[in-house]
Structures are given as structure tokens and as C-alpha cells.
């Protein structure tokens, strides 16, 4: 009887808990104030987080084998395209995969944002902060300050909403 009640409560509470955790994680401050990293893209060109100072940056850690990551990629593409000039998505691939295979995957997904290559065991200096699961995203304000972290999927609408609230509370997003 008790396990049926527990199961029932879990079924009802689970969506509520996920919503609450999403809200808390998205608004929780990240650990480093103004982190920086440098990683190569698929063409071998180096990208540093500091190269994008003055714009919002969503750093998204993902892998091709991760189903939630694959579901999230179209949302990141929407955000990236809708925010051109104001914000950028940096997709950091977190797996050991042949570059030709990754390049083909990116082309098949029609991704236009920069895809950076880390590995399945990146150095701490290649991360904005802890990556305890995939996907993990960090939102960096134009000032270079990490203002949010999300473990799990994120939507373009949620990113836009957070930026609007942050700018409204901080007079322009920390510029």
C-alpha cells in the first residue's frame, strides 16, 4: 500500500519537481565570475569565451549520443538565429568522436552556431564550470559574468525570458 502511495505521489510530484528544479537551476549563479576558455572548432579555428565579450553567450555542453541533447539542438539553433548580433551559442561537444563524423552530424542537423571540440575528458580550463550531466548550459552576460546554469534541456523561449528578466533587473545586462 505504501509503495503505491509513494509511486502515485512521485508521478504527480515529478513534473512539479522538474519545473521547480529548472527554475532554480536556471537562476542559480554559477561558480566563476568571469571564466574563460579556448577550444578549437571543426575547422581548427580557436574560439575563446572572451572573444564574445559584449554579447550574451550560451555555452552548451552536449554529445551526439545524448537523446536530451539531440532534442535540445533545434531550440539552440532557433535562439542563435533569432539573437544574431546580440547573442551567440557555443556548442561544446563532449565526446571522443572522429571530426568527420561530427562534421557530418552537424551538417545533418543544420546547425549554424560554432561547434567546439573538447573531448569526453576535458581539462577544467576548457569548462565554464562543472558539467555533471549532459546537456549542461551556462549563460554568460555581455560583461563576461556567468549568470545562469542549466543541467538538462533548455528552450529558446526560456533563454530569452531569462535574459529579459536579467536585463530588466540589472539595467541592460551588466554592460
N, C-alpha and C. Protein backbone atom coordinates (compact mmCIF):
# COMPACT_ATOMS: atom_id res chain seq x y z
N UNK A 1 0.83 -1.19 0.00
CA UNK A 1 0.00 0.00 0.00
C UNK A 1 0.87 1.26 0.00
N UNK A 2 1.90 1.28 0.88
CA UNK A 2 2.76 2.45 0.98
C UNK A 2 3.51 2.70 -0.32
N UNK A 3 3.98 1.63 -0.99
CA UNK A 3 4.72 1.83 -2.24
C UNK A 3 3.80 2.36 -3.34
N UNK A 4 2.51 1.97 -3.34
CA UNK A 4 1.57 2.51 -4.30
C UNK A 4 1.36 4.00 -4.07
N UNK A 5 1.26 4.41 -2.83
CA UNK A 5 1.09 5.84 -2.50
C UNK A 5 2.34 6.61 -2.88
N UNK A 6 3.50 6.05 -2.54
CA UNK A 6 4.76 6.71 -2.90
C UNK A 6 4.87 6.86 -4.41
N UNK A 7 4.53 5.78 -5.15
CA UNK A 7 4.57 5.84 -6.61
C UNK A 7 3.62 6.87 -7.16
N UNK A 8 2.42 6.95 -6.59
CA UNK A 8 1.42 7.93 -7.01
C UNK A 8 1.92 9.35 -6.75
N UNK A 9 2.47 9.58 -5.56
CA UNK A 9 3.00 10.91 -5.23
C UNK A 9 4.14 11.28 -6.15
N UNK A 10 5.01 10.31 -6.45
CA UNK A 10 6.13 10.58 -7.34
C UNK A 10 5.62 10.96 -8.73
N UNK A 11 4.60 10.23 -9.22
CA UNK A 11 4.05 10.51 -10.54
C UNK A 11 3.47 11.92 -10.60
N UNK A 12 2.78 12.34 -9.55
CA UNK A 12 2.18 13.67 -9.53
C UNK A 12 3.23 14.74 -9.26
N UNK A 13 4.12 14.47 -8.32
CA UNK A 13 5.10 15.48 -7.91
C UNK A 13 6.23 15.63 -8.91
N UNK A 14 6.50 14.59 -9.69
CA UNK A 14 7.64 14.63 -10.59
C UNK A 14 7.63 15.82 -11.55
N UNK A 15 6.53 16.10 -12.29
CA UNK A 15 6.54 17.26 -13.18
C UNK A 15 6.71 18.58 -12.43
N UNK A 16 6.11 18.66 -11.25
CA UNK A 16 6.23 19.87 -10.45
C UNK A 16 7.67 20.04 -9.99
N UNK A 17 8.28 18.95 -9.53
CA UNK A 17 9.66 18.98 -9.08
C UNK A 17 10.61 19.38 -10.21
N UNK A 18 10.39 18.80 -11.40
CA UNK A 18 11.22 19.15 -12.55
C UNK A 18 11.09 20.64 -12.86
N UNK A 19 9.88 21.18 -12.83
CA UNK A 19 9.67 22.61 -13.10
C UNK A 19 10.38 23.47 -12.07
N UNK A 20 10.27 23.09 -10.80
CA UNK A 20 10.94 23.86 -9.74
C UNK A 20 12.44 23.79 -9.88
N UNK A 21 12.97 22.60 -10.14
CA UNK A 21 14.42 22.46 -10.30
C UNK A 21 14.91 23.27 -11.49
N UNK A 22 14.16 23.26 -12.58
CA UNK A 22 14.54 24.04 -13.75
C UNK A 22 14.62 25.52 -13.40
N UNK A 23 13.62 26.02 -12.69
CA UNK A 23 13.62 27.44 -12.30
C UNK A 23 14.79 27.76 -11.40
N UNK A 24 15.07 26.88 -10.44
CA UNK A 24 16.17 27.12 -9.50
C UNK A 24 17.51 27.06 -10.21
N UNK A 25 17.70 26.03 -11.04
CA UNK A 25 18.98 25.88 -11.72
C UNK A 25 19.23 27.01 -12.71
N UNK A 26 18.19 27.43 -13.41
CA UNK A 26 18.37 28.48 -14.40
C UNK A 26 18.73 29.81 -13.75
N UNK A 27 18.27 30.03 -12.54
CA UNK A 27 18.54 31.31 -11.89
C UNK A 27 19.68 31.24 -10.89
N UNK A 28 20.21 30.04 -10.65
CA UNK A 28 21.31 29.91 -9.68
C UNK A 28 22.59 30.50 -10.27
N UNK A 29 23.30 31.32 -9.51
CA UNK A 29 24.55 31.87 -10.02
C UNK A 29 25.58 30.76 -10.18
N UNK A 30 26.40 30.88 -11.17
CA UNK A 30 27.45 29.91 -11.40
C UNK A 30 28.65 30.24 -10.53
N UNK A 31 29.64 29.35 -10.53
CA UNK A 31 30.72 29.47 -9.57
C UNK A 31 31.78 30.50 -9.95
N UNK A 32 32.15 30.58 -11.20
CA UNK A 32 33.22 31.50 -11.59
C UNK A 32 32.61 32.82 -12.04
N UNK A 33 33.24 33.93 -11.67
CA UNK A 33 32.71 35.24 -12.04
C UNK A 33 32.87 35.51 -13.53
N UNK A 34 34.09 35.49 -14.02
CA UNK A 34 34.35 35.76 -15.43
C UNK A 34 35.31 34.71 -15.99
N UNK A 35 34.79 33.51 -16.23
CA UNK A 35 35.65 32.43 -16.72
C UNK A 35 36.06 32.66 -18.16
N UNK A 36 37.08 31.96 -18.58
CA UNK A 36 37.48 31.98 -19.99
C UNK A 36 38.00 30.60 -20.35
N UNK A 37 37.87 30.25 -21.57
CA UNK A 37 38.43 29.00 -22.09
C UNK A 37 38.69 29.21 -23.57
N UNK A 38 39.52 28.36 -24.14
CA UNK A 38 39.79 28.38 -25.57
C UNK A 38 39.71 26.95 -26.08
N UNK A 39 38.90 26.75 -27.12
CA UNK A 39 38.73 25.45 -27.75
C UNK A 39 38.69 25.62 -29.26
N UNK A 40 39.13 24.60 -30.01
CA UNK A 40 39.05 24.67 -31.47
C UNK A 40 37.66 24.30 -31.96
N UNK A 41 37.29 24.86 -33.13
CA UNK A 41 36.05 24.44 -33.77
C UNK A 41 36.38 23.32 -34.76
N UNK A 42 35.44 22.92 -35.56
CA UNK A 42 35.63 21.82 -36.51
C UNK A 42 36.59 22.16 -37.65
N UNK A 43 36.86 23.44 -37.83
CA UNK A 43 37.80 23.86 -38.86
C UNK A 43 39.19 24.12 -38.28
N UNK A 44 39.34 23.93 -36.97
CA UNK A 44 40.63 24.14 -36.31
C UNK A 44 40.84 25.55 -35.81
N UNK A 45 39.88 26.44 -36.00
CA UNK A 45 39.98 27.82 -35.53
C UNK A 45 39.69 27.87 -34.04
N UNK A 46 40.52 28.58 -33.29
CA UNK A 46 40.34 28.70 -31.84
C UNK A 46 39.26 29.72 -31.51
N UNK A 47 38.45 29.39 -30.53
CA UNK A 47 37.42 30.29 -30.01
C UNK A 47 37.64 30.41 -28.51
N UNK A 48 37.71 31.63 -28.03
CA UNK A 48 37.78 31.89 -26.60
C UNK A 48 36.47 32.53 -26.17
N UNK A 49 36.03 32.21 -24.97
CA UNK A 49 34.81 32.81 -24.46
C UNK A 49 34.94 34.34 -24.46
N UNK A 50 36.11 34.84 -24.12
CA UNK A 50 36.34 36.29 -24.07
C UNK A 50 36.23 36.95 -25.45
N UNK A 51 36.33 36.18 -26.53
CA UNK A 51 36.15 36.73 -27.88
C UNK A 51 34.74 37.29 -28.07
N UNK A 52 33.81 36.83 -27.26
CA UNK A 52 32.40 37.19 -27.42
C UNK A 52 31.93 38.20 -26.39
N UNK A 53 32.87 38.81 -25.67
CA UNK A 53 32.51 39.83 -24.67
C UNK A 53 31.70 40.91 -25.37
N UNK A 54 30.67 41.39 -24.70
CA UNK A 54 29.77 42.39 -25.30
C UNK A 54 28.50 41.78 -25.83
N UNK A 55 28.45 40.44 -25.89
CA UNK A 55 27.25 39.73 -26.32
C UNK A 55 26.89 38.67 -25.28
N UNK A 56 25.64 38.31 -25.26
CA UNK A 56 25.22 37.16 -24.45
C UNK A 56 25.79 35.91 -25.09
N UNK A 57 26.27 34.97 -24.27
CA UNK A 57 26.80 33.71 -24.79
C UNK A 57 26.16 32.56 -24.02
N UNK A 58 25.58 31.62 -24.76
CA UNK A 58 25.09 30.39 -24.17
C UNK A 58 26.11 29.31 -24.52
N UNK A 59 26.82 28.81 -23.51
CA UNK A 59 27.78 27.73 -23.71
C UNK A 59 27.05 26.44 -23.37
N UNK A 60 26.90 25.58 -24.37
CA UNK A 60 26.13 24.35 -24.22
C UNK A 60 27.05 23.14 -24.39
N UNK A 61 27.12 22.32 -23.36
CA UNK A 61 27.90 21.08 -23.40
C UNK A 61 26.98 19.94 -23.78
N UNK A 62 27.36 19.17 -24.82
CA UNK A 62 26.48 18.18 -25.38
C UNK A 62 27.28 17.05 -26.03
N UNK A 63 26.58 15.99 -26.46
CA UNK A 63 27.20 14.88 -27.19
C UNK A 63 26.17 14.30 -28.17
N UNK A 64 26.65 13.68 -29.23
CA UNK A 64 25.76 13.11 -30.25
C UNK A 64 24.99 11.90 -29.74
N UNK A 65 25.50 11.21 -28.72
CA UNK A 65 24.85 10.02 -28.18
C UNK A 65 23.80 10.34 -27.12
N UNK A 66 23.62 11.61 -26.79
CA UNK A 66 22.76 12.05 -25.70
C UNK A 66 21.37 12.44 -26.24
N UNK A 67 20.32 11.62 -26.00
CA UNK A 67 18.98 11.95 -26.53
C UNK A 67 18.46 13.32 -26.11
N UNK A 68 18.57 13.75 -24.82
CA UNK A 68 18.09 15.09 -24.49
C UNK A 68 18.86 16.20 -25.22
N UNK A 69 20.14 15.95 -25.48
CA UNK A 69 20.94 16.93 -26.23
C UNK A 69 20.39 17.08 -27.65
N UNK A 70 20.07 15.95 -28.26
CA UNK A 70 19.57 15.96 -29.63
C UNK A 70 18.22 16.67 -29.73
N UNK A 71 17.39 16.50 -28.70
CA UNK A 71 16.10 17.19 -28.67
C UNK A 71 16.28 18.69 -28.48
N UNK A 72 17.33 19.08 -27.79
CA UNK A 72 17.58 20.49 -27.47
C UNK A 72 18.22 21.26 -28.63
N UNK A 73 18.97 20.60 -29.49
CA UNK A 73 19.71 21.30 -30.55
C UNK A 73 18.85 22.23 -31.41
N UNK A 74 17.65 21.82 -31.85
CA UNK A 74 16.84 22.76 -32.64
C UNK A 74 16.48 24.04 -31.86
N UNK A 75 16.24 23.93 -30.56
CA UNK A 75 15.95 25.11 -29.74
C UNK A 75 17.16 26.04 -29.69
N UNK A 76 18.34 25.47 -29.57
CA UNK A 76 19.56 26.29 -29.55
C UNK A 76 19.76 26.99 -30.89
N UNK A 77 19.44 26.30 -31.96
CA UNK A 77 19.56 26.90 -33.30
C UNK A 77 18.58 28.06 -33.45
N UNK A 78 17.36 27.88 -32.96
CA UNK A 78 16.36 28.96 -33.01
C UNK A 78 16.87 30.17 -32.22
N UNK A 79 17.34 29.94 -31.00
CA UNK A 79 17.85 31.05 -30.18
C UNK A 79 19.02 31.74 -30.87
N UNK A 80 19.95 30.97 -31.39
CA UNK A 80 21.13 31.53 -32.04
C UNK A 80 20.74 32.41 -33.23
N UNK A 81 19.85 31.91 -34.08
CA UNK A 81 19.45 32.66 -35.27
C UNK A 81 18.62 33.89 -34.92
N UNK A 82 17.73 33.75 -33.96
CA UNK A 82 16.86 34.86 -33.56
C UNK A 82 17.66 35.97 -32.88
N UNK A 83 18.77 35.62 -32.28
CA UNK A 83 19.56 36.57 -31.48
C UNK A 83 20.81 37.05 -32.19
N UNK A 84 20.91 36.85 -33.48
CA UNK A 84 22.12 37.20 -34.22
C UNK A 84 22.60 38.61 -33.91
N UNK A 85 23.88 38.72 -33.56
CA UNK A 85 24.47 40.02 -33.23
C UNK A 85 24.36 40.37 -31.76
N UNK A 86 23.34 39.86 -31.10
CA UNK A 86 23.11 40.16 -29.68
C UNK A 86 23.57 39.02 -28.78
N UNK A 87 23.48 37.80 -29.30
CA UNK A 87 23.84 36.61 -28.52
C UNK A 87 24.38 35.54 -29.46
N UNK A 88 25.12 34.62 -28.89
CA UNK A 88 25.69 33.52 -29.66
C UNK A 88 25.61 32.25 -28.82
N UNK A 89 25.44 31.13 -29.49
CA UNK A 89 25.52 29.82 -28.85
C UNK A 89 26.87 29.23 -29.22
N UNK A 90 27.58 28.71 -28.23
CA UNK A 90 28.79 27.94 -28.46
C UNK A 90 28.49 26.51 -28.02
N UNK A 91 28.42 25.60 -28.97
CA UNK A 91 28.15 24.20 -28.66
C UNK A 91 29.47 23.48 -28.43
N UNK A 92 29.67 22.96 -27.23
CA UNK A 92 30.92 22.26 -26.91
C UNK A 92 30.65 20.77 -26.89
N UNK A 93 31.20 20.06 -27.88
CA UNK A 93 31.00 18.63 -27.98
C UNK A 93 31.88 17.91 -26.97
N UNK A 94 31.25 17.05 -26.16
CA UNK A 94 31.92 16.40 -25.03
C UNK A 94 32.04 14.90 -25.24
N UNK A 95 32.65 14.50 -26.33
CA UNK A 95 32.83 13.08 -26.57
C UNK A 95 34.05 12.86 -27.45
N UNK A 96 34.51 11.64 -27.47
CA UNK A 96 35.59 11.29 -28.39
C UNK A 96 34.91 10.77 -29.65
N UNK A 97 35.03 11.53 -30.71
CA UNK A 97 34.36 11.21 -31.98
C UNK A 97 35.24 11.74 -33.11
N UNK A 98 35.27 11.03 -34.21
CA UNK A 98 36.05 11.48 -35.37
C UNK A 98 35.48 12.82 -35.84
N UNK A 99 36.36 13.74 -36.18
CA UNK A 99 35.90 15.07 -36.61
C UNK A 99 35.03 15.00 -37.86
N UNK A 100 35.34 14.10 -38.79
CA UNK A 100 34.49 13.96 -39.98
C UNK A 100 33.09 13.50 -39.61
N UNK A 101 32.99 12.59 -38.65
CA UNK A 101 31.70 12.11 -38.19
C UNK A 101 30.92 13.23 -37.51
N UNK A 102 31.60 14.01 -36.68
CA UNK A 102 30.96 15.14 -36.00
C UNK A 102 30.54 16.20 -37.01
N UNK A 103 31.40 16.49 -37.97
CA UNK A 103 31.08 17.48 -39.01
C UNK A 103 29.82 17.04 -39.78
N UNK A 104 29.74 15.76 -40.15
CA UNK A 104 28.55 15.24 -40.86
C UNK A 104 27.30 15.37 -40.00
N UNK A 105 27.43 15.06 -38.71
CA UNK A 105 26.30 15.17 -37.80
C UNK A 105 25.80 16.62 -37.75
N UNK A 106 26.73 17.56 -37.61
CA UNK A 106 26.38 18.99 -37.51
C UNK A 106 25.68 19.44 -38.80
N UNK A 107 26.18 19.00 -39.95
CA UNK A 107 25.55 19.36 -41.22
C UNK A 107 24.15 18.77 -41.34
N UNK A 108 23.98 17.51 -40.90
CA UNK A 108 22.66 16.87 -40.95
C UNK A 108 21.65 17.57 -40.04
N UNK A 109 22.13 18.16 -38.97
CA UNK A 109 21.25 18.86 -38.02
C UNK A 109 21.04 20.32 -38.41
N UNK A 110 21.72 20.78 -39.46
CA UNK A 110 21.62 22.17 -39.94
C UNK A 110 21.98 23.17 -38.85
N UNK A 111 23.06 22.89 -38.10
CA UNK A 111 23.49 23.78 -37.03
C UNK A 111 24.42 24.85 -37.60
N UNK A 112 24.11 26.09 -37.29
CA UNK A 112 24.93 27.21 -37.79
C UNK A 112 25.78 27.85 -36.71
N UNK A 113 25.54 27.50 -35.43
CA UNK A 113 26.35 28.09 -34.37
C UNK A 113 27.68 27.33 -34.27
N UNK A 114 28.71 27.98 -33.73
CA UNK A 114 30.02 27.32 -33.64
C UNK A 114 29.97 26.05 -32.78
N UNK A 115 30.54 24.99 -33.32
CA UNK A 115 30.68 23.73 -32.58
C UNK A 115 32.15 23.60 -32.21
N UNK A 116 32.40 23.59 -30.92
CA UNK A 116 33.76 23.49 -30.41
C UNK A 116 34.02 22.06 -29.95
N UNK A 117 35.26 21.64 -30.07
CA UNK A 117 35.62 20.26 -29.78
C UNK A 117 36.41 20.20 -28.47
N UNK A 118 35.84 19.54 -27.48
CA UNK A 118 36.55 19.31 -26.22
C UNK A 118 37.00 17.85 -26.26
N UNK A 119 36.37 16.99 -25.56
CA UNK A 119 36.56 15.54 -25.57
C UNK A 119 35.66 15.00 -24.48
N UNK A 120 35.71 13.70 -24.27
CA UNK A 120 34.90 13.15 -23.18
C UNK A 120 35.56 13.39 -21.83
N UNK A 121 36.80 13.86 -21.82
CA UNK A 121 37.52 14.19 -20.57
C UNK A 121 38.24 15.53 -20.71
N UNK A 122 37.48 16.61 -20.78
CA UNK A 122 38.12 17.93 -20.97
C UNK A 122 38.87 18.37 -19.71
N UNK A 123 39.81 19.26 -19.91
CA UNK A 123 40.52 19.86 -18.78
C UNK A 123 39.59 20.88 -18.13
N UNK A 124 39.79 21.13 -16.85
CA UNK A 124 38.96 22.13 -16.14
C UNK A 124 39.04 23.49 -16.80
N UNK A 125 40.19 23.81 -17.38
CA UNK A 125 40.36 25.12 -18.03
C UNK A 125 39.56 25.22 -19.32
N UNK A 126 38.98 24.12 -19.79
CA UNK A 126 38.16 24.12 -21.00
C UNK A 126 36.67 24.21 -20.69
N UNK A 127 36.35 24.35 -19.41
CA UNK A 127 34.95 24.38 -18.98
C UNK A 127 34.62 25.70 -18.30
N UNK A 128 33.41 26.16 -18.47
CA UNK A 128 32.94 27.35 -17.76
C UNK A 128 32.76 27.03 -16.29
N UNK A 129 32.30 25.83 -16.02
CA UNK A 129 32.05 25.36 -14.66
C UNK A 129 31.79 23.87 -14.70
N UNK A 130 31.31 23.31 -13.61
CA UNK A 130 31.07 21.86 -13.56
C UNK A 130 30.07 21.40 -14.62
N UNK A 131 30.37 20.26 -15.22
CA UNK A 131 29.46 19.62 -16.16
C UNK A 131 29.20 18.23 -15.60
N UNK A 132 28.11 18.12 -14.85
CA UNK A 132 27.79 16.89 -14.14
C UNK A 132 26.86 15.98 -14.93
N UNK A 133 26.31 16.49 -16.00
CA UNK A 133 25.42 15.72 -16.86
C UNK A 133 25.23 16.48 -18.15
N UNK A 134 24.74 15.77 -19.16
CA UNK A 134 24.51 16.40 -20.46
C UNK A 134 23.01 16.39 -20.77
N UNK A 135 22.53 17.42 -21.39
CA UNK A 135 23.23 18.68 -21.69
C UNK A 135 23.35 19.57 -20.45
N UNK A 136 24.37 20.39 -20.45
CA UNK A 136 24.56 21.43 -19.44
C UNK A 136 24.84 22.73 -20.17
N UNK A 137 24.16 23.79 -19.76
CA UNK A 137 24.35 25.09 -20.40
C UNK A 137 24.69 26.15 -19.36
N UNK A 138 25.56 27.06 -19.75
CA UNK A 138 25.89 28.24 -18.94
C UNK A 138 25.54 29.46 -19.76
N UNK A 139 24.90 30.42 -19.13
CA UNK A 139 24.58 31.68 -19.78
C UNK A 139 25.52 32.74 -19.25
N UNK A 140 26.24 33.38 -20.17
CA UNK A 140 27.23 34.39 -19.82
C UNK A 140 26.73 35.74 -20.31
N UNK A 141 26.68 36.71 -19.40
CA UNK A 141 26.22 38.06 -19.73
C UNK A 141 27.26 38.77 -20.59
N UNK A 142 26.87 39.85 -21.25
CA UNK A 142 27.82 40.61 -22.08
C UNK A 142 29.07 41.08 -21.30
N UNK A 143 28.95 41.22 -20.00
CA UNK A 143 30.08 41.63 -19.16
C UNK A 143 31.09 40.50 -18.97
N UNK A 144 30.73 39.27 -19.33
CA UNK A 144 31.59 38.12 -19.14
C UNK A 144 31.27 37.33 -17.89
N UNK A 145 30.27 37.80 -17.12
CA UNK A 145 29.88 37.13 -15.88
C UNK A 145 28.90 36.00 -16.17
N UNK A 146 29.14 34.84 -15.58
CA UNK A 146 28.21 33.73 -15.69
C UNK A 146 27.01 34.04 -14.80
N UNK A 147 25.83 34.06 -15.40
CA UNK A 147 24.63 34.45 -14.65
C UNK A 147 23.64 33.31 -14.47
N UNK A 148 23.83 32.19 -15.17
CA UNK A 148 22.89 31.07 -15.01
C UNK A 148 23.54 29.78 -15.48
N UNK A 149 23.03 28.69 -14.90
CA UNK A 149 23.47 27.34 -15.27
C UNK A 149 22.23 26.47 -15.34
N UNK A 150 22.17 25.63 -16.35
CA UNK A 150 21.05 24.71 -16.51
C UNK A 150 21.61 23.32 -16.80
N UNK A 151 21.27 22.36 -15.97
CA UNK A 151 21.57 20.96 -16.25
C UNK A 151 20.28 20.36 -16.78
N UNK A 152 20.31 19.88 -18.01
CA UNK A 152 19.11 19.38 -18.67
C UNK A 152 18.73 20.32 -19.81
N UNK A 153 17.69 19.94 -20.51
CA UNK A 153 17.27 20.68 -21.69
C UNK A 153 16.82 22.10 -21.36
N UNK A 154 17.00 22.96 -22.34
CA UNK A 154 16.58 24.35 -22.24
C UNK A 154 15.88 24.71 -23.56
N UNK A 155 14.99 25.68 -23.51
CA UNK A 155 14.30 26.12 -24.73
C UNK A 155 14.73 27.54 -25.08
N UNK A 156 14.55 27.89 -26.33
CA UNK A 156 14.85 29.26 -26.78
C UNK A 156 14.00 30.26 -26.00
N UNK A 157 12.76 29.92 -25.77
CA UNK A 157 11.85 30.81 -25.03
C UNK A 157 12.35 31.04 -23.60
N UNK A 158 12.82 29.98 -22.94
CA UNK A 158 13.32 30.12 -21.57
C UNK A 158 14.58 30.99 -21.53
N UNK A 159 15.45 30.84 -22.51
CA UNK A 159 16.67 31.65 -22.56
C UNK A 159 16.31 33.12 -22.77
N UNK A 160 15.44 33.38 -23.74
CA UNK A 160 15.00 34.76 -24.00
C UNK A 160 14.34 35.37 -22.77
N UNK A 161 13.50 34.59 -22.11
CA UNK A 161 12.81 35.08 -20.91
C UNK A 161 13.78 35.41 -19.79
N UNK A 162 14.77 34.56 -19.58
CA UNK A 162 15.76 34.82 -18.54
C UNK A 162 16.54 36.10 -18.85
N UNK A 163 16.98 36.24 -20.10
CA UNK A 163 17.74 37.44 -20.49
C UNK A 163 16.90 38.69 -20.27
N UNK A 164 15.65 38.65 -20.67
CA UNK A 164 14.77 39.82 -20.50
C UNK A 164 14.63 40.18 -19.02
N UNK A 165 14.40 39.16 -18.17
CA UNK A 165 14.28 39.42 -16.73
C UNK A 165 15.59 39.95 -16.16
N UNK A 166 16.70 39.36 -16.57
CA UNK A 166 18.01 39.78 -16.05
C UNK A 166 18.30 41.21 -16.45
N UNK A 167 18.07 41.54 -17.71
CA UNK A 167 18.31 42.91 -18.17
C UNK A 167 17.39 43.90 -17.46
N UNK A 168 16.16 43.50 -17.23
CA UNK A 168 15.22 44.37 -16.53
C UNK A 168 15.63 44.63 -15.10
N UNK A 169 16.25 43.66 -14.47
CA UNK A 169 16.69 43.81 -13.08
C UNK A 169 18.06 44.45 -12.96
N UNK A 170 18.86 44.35 -14.01
CA UNK A 170 20.26 44.79 -13.93
C UNK A 170 20.60 45.91 -14.92
N UNK A 171 19.59 46.63 -15.37
CA UNK A 171 19.81 47.78 -16.23
C UNK A 171 20.70 47.49 -17.41
N UNK A 172 20.23 46.60 -18.29
CA UNK A 172 20.95 46.36 -19.54
C UNK A 172 21.87 45.18 -19.55
N UNK A 173 21.81 44.29 -18.57
CA UNK A 173 22.58 43.05 -18.63
C UNK A 173 24.02 43.17 -18.23
N UNK A 174 24.38 44.14 -17.45
CA UNK A 174 25.74 44.23 -16.94
C UNK A 174 26.71 44.93 -17.85
N UNK A 175 26.22 45.64 -18.83
CA UNK A 175 27.13 46.38 -19.73
C UNK A 175 27.72 47.56 -19.06
